[in-house]
Amino acid sequence: MGRFIGIFFILCAVLTIGSALKCFECDEGSCNIQDCGGSCVNIITKNNDVVVTQQTNCWPIVEEKKCVTSDTHGIITKTCYCNTDGCNAGSITSLFGLLLVVPLIIHCILFLY
């Protein structure tokens, strides 16, 4: 019976994860994961190779995976679009994946053995 409950839990988790694109939306150092109807976007602005701003959020339009760089009077802006969960997080993307898997592993250890 315990294995059936574990398999049921895994199926529910997989079906829930695939329901909507999840993007990081960051504002002044705090980040949240939000559902997105378009593409995830990460916008980095640099002046003399120093990062001035970084915006991470949801873009309302579905874009292909790409990065676009523009130069306006020495201010370099790089805008990257992507379409997988948490893809606009940079180094914290791996943390996002880990947060999804850890509860599942704990459940399997506690209830299947």
Protein backbone atom coordinates (compact mmCIF):
# COMPACT_ATOMS: atom_id res chain seq x y z
CA MET A 1 0.00 0.00 0.00
CA GLY A 2 2.86 2.37 0.83
CA ARG A 3 4.37 1.94 -2.64
CA PHE A 4 1.01 2.78 -4.25
CA ILE A 5 0.80 6.01 -2.24
CA GLY A 6 4.39 6.89 -3.21
CA ILE A 7 3.72 6.28 -6.91
CA PHE A 8 0.50 8.31 -6.69
CA PHE A 9 2.43 11.19 -5.05
CA ILE A 10 5.10 11.10 -7.78
CA LEU A 11 2.48 11.18 -10.55
CA CYS A 12 0.68 14.11 -8.91
CA ALA A 13 3.96 16.02 -8.54
CA VAL A 14 4.91 15.46 -12.18
CA LEU A 15 1.50 16.55 -13.45
CA THR A 16 1.53 19.68 -11.27
CA ILE A 17 5.04 20.72 -12.31
CA GLY A 18 4.15 20.75 -16.01
CA SER A 19 1.09 22.99 -15.72
CA ALA A 20 2.64 26.43 -16.46
CA LEU A 21 5.98 28.05 -17.18
CA LYS A 22 7.56 29.27 -13.95
CA CYS A 23 9.85 32.30 -14.05
CA PHE A 24 11.86 34.04 -11.38
CA GLU A 25 10.72 37.59 -10.70
CA CYS A 26 13.29 39.50 -8.68
CA ASP A 27 12.98 42.93 -7.13
CA GLU A 28 15.60 44.55 -4.89
CA GLY A 29 17.30 41.31 -3.91
CA SER A 30 14.28 39.11 -3.23
CA CYS A 31 13.10 36.57 -5.80
CA ASN A 32 9.82 34.73 -6.20
CA ILE A 33 8.76 32.04 -8.63
CA GLN A 34 5.69 33.11 -10.63
CA ASP A 35 3.55 31.48 -13.30
CA CYS A 36 4.17 33.05 -16.70
CA GLY A 37 2.04 33.09 -19.85
CA GLY A 38 4.89 34.22 -22.09
CA SER A 39 8.66 33.70 -21.76
CA CYS A 40 11.09 34.19 -18.90
CA VAL A 41 13.44 37.13 -19.37
CA ASN A 42 16.71 38.28 -17.81
CA ILE A 43 17.91 41.82 -18.63
CA ILE A 44 21.41 42.92 -17.63
CA THR A 45 22.57 46.52 -18.13
CA LYS A 46 26.29 47.35 -17.93
CA ASN A 47 28.27 50.59 -18.03
CA ASN A 48 32.03 50.17 -18.56
CA ASP A 49 31.72 46.40 -17.84
CA VAL A 50 30.10 47.09 -14.45
CA VAL A 51 26.60 45.67 -13.93
CA VAL A 52 24.26 48.60 -13.29
CA THR A 53 20.94 46.74 -13.18
CA GLN A 54 19.65 43.22 -13.53
CA GLN A 55 15.95 42.54 -14.09
CA THR A 56 14.53 39.04 -13.89
CA ASN A 57 10.85 38.48 -14.62
CA CYS A 58 8.15 37.25 -17.01
CA TRP A 59 7.85 38.67 -20.52
CA PRO A 60 4.17 38.68 -21.60
CA ILE A 61 4.95 37.47 -25.13
CA VAL A 62 6.29 34.02 -26.05
CA GLU A 63 9.76 34.50 -27.55
CA GLU A 64 12.20 31.94 -28.93
CA LYS A 65 15.23 31.19 -26.76
CA LYS A 66 17.69 33.96 -27.62
CA CYS A 67 19.80 36.82 -26.31
CA VAL A 68 19.81 40.29 -27.83
CA THR A 69 22.52 42.86 -27.04
CA SER A 70 22.20 46.60 -27.65
CA ASP A 71 24.62 49.48 -27.14
CA THR A 72 23.25 52.96 -26.42
CA HIS A 73 26.03 55.50 -25.84
CA GLY A 74 28.25 52.94 -24.09
CA ILE A 75 25.44 51.44 -21.99
CA ILE A 76 25.27 47.74 -22.92
CA THR A 77 21.95 45.96 -22.41
CA LYS A 78 21.73 42.18 -22.84
CA THR A 79 18.20 40.73 -22.90
CA CYS A 80 17.83 36.94 -22.80
CA TYR A 81 14.54 35.06 -23.30
CA CYS A 82 13.98 31.41 -22.38
CA ASN A 83 11.11 28.97 -22.02
CA THR A 84 11.87 26.39 -19.33
CA ASP A 85 11.03 26.58 -15.62
CA GLY A 86 13.42 28.82 -13.72
CA CYS A 87 15.64 29.42 -16.75
CA ASN A 88 16.03 33.16 -16.05
CA ALA A 89 17.73 32.66 -12.71
CA GLY A 90 21.35 32.22 -13.76
CA SER A 91 23.20 30.55 -10.92
CA ILE A 92 20.08 29.93 -8.82
CA THR A 93 18.49 27.77 -11.53
CA SER A 94 20.10 24.70 -10.01
CA LEU A 95 18.63 25.67 -6.63
CA PHE A 96 15.15 25.78 -8.23
CA GLY A 97 15.55 22.24 -9.52
CA LEU A 98 16.86 21.07 -6.17
CA LEU A 99 13.86 22.57 -4.37
CA LEU A 100 11.54 20.54 -6.61
CA VAL A 101 13.36 17.24 -6.09
CA VAL A 102 14.26 17.27 -2.37
CA PRO A 103 10.66 16.89 -1.03
CA LEU A 104 10.11 13.98 -3.40
CA ILE A 105 13.28 12.21 -2.22
CA ILE A 106 12.36 12.74 1.43
CA HIS A 107 8.89 11.33 0.81
CA CYS A 108 10.32 8.24 -0.89
CA ILE A 109 12.77 7.62 1.96
CA LEU A 110 10.17 8.04 4.69
CA PHE A 111 7.22 6.23 3.15
CA LEU A 112 8.53 3.65 0.70
CA TYR A 113 11.10 1.93 2.89
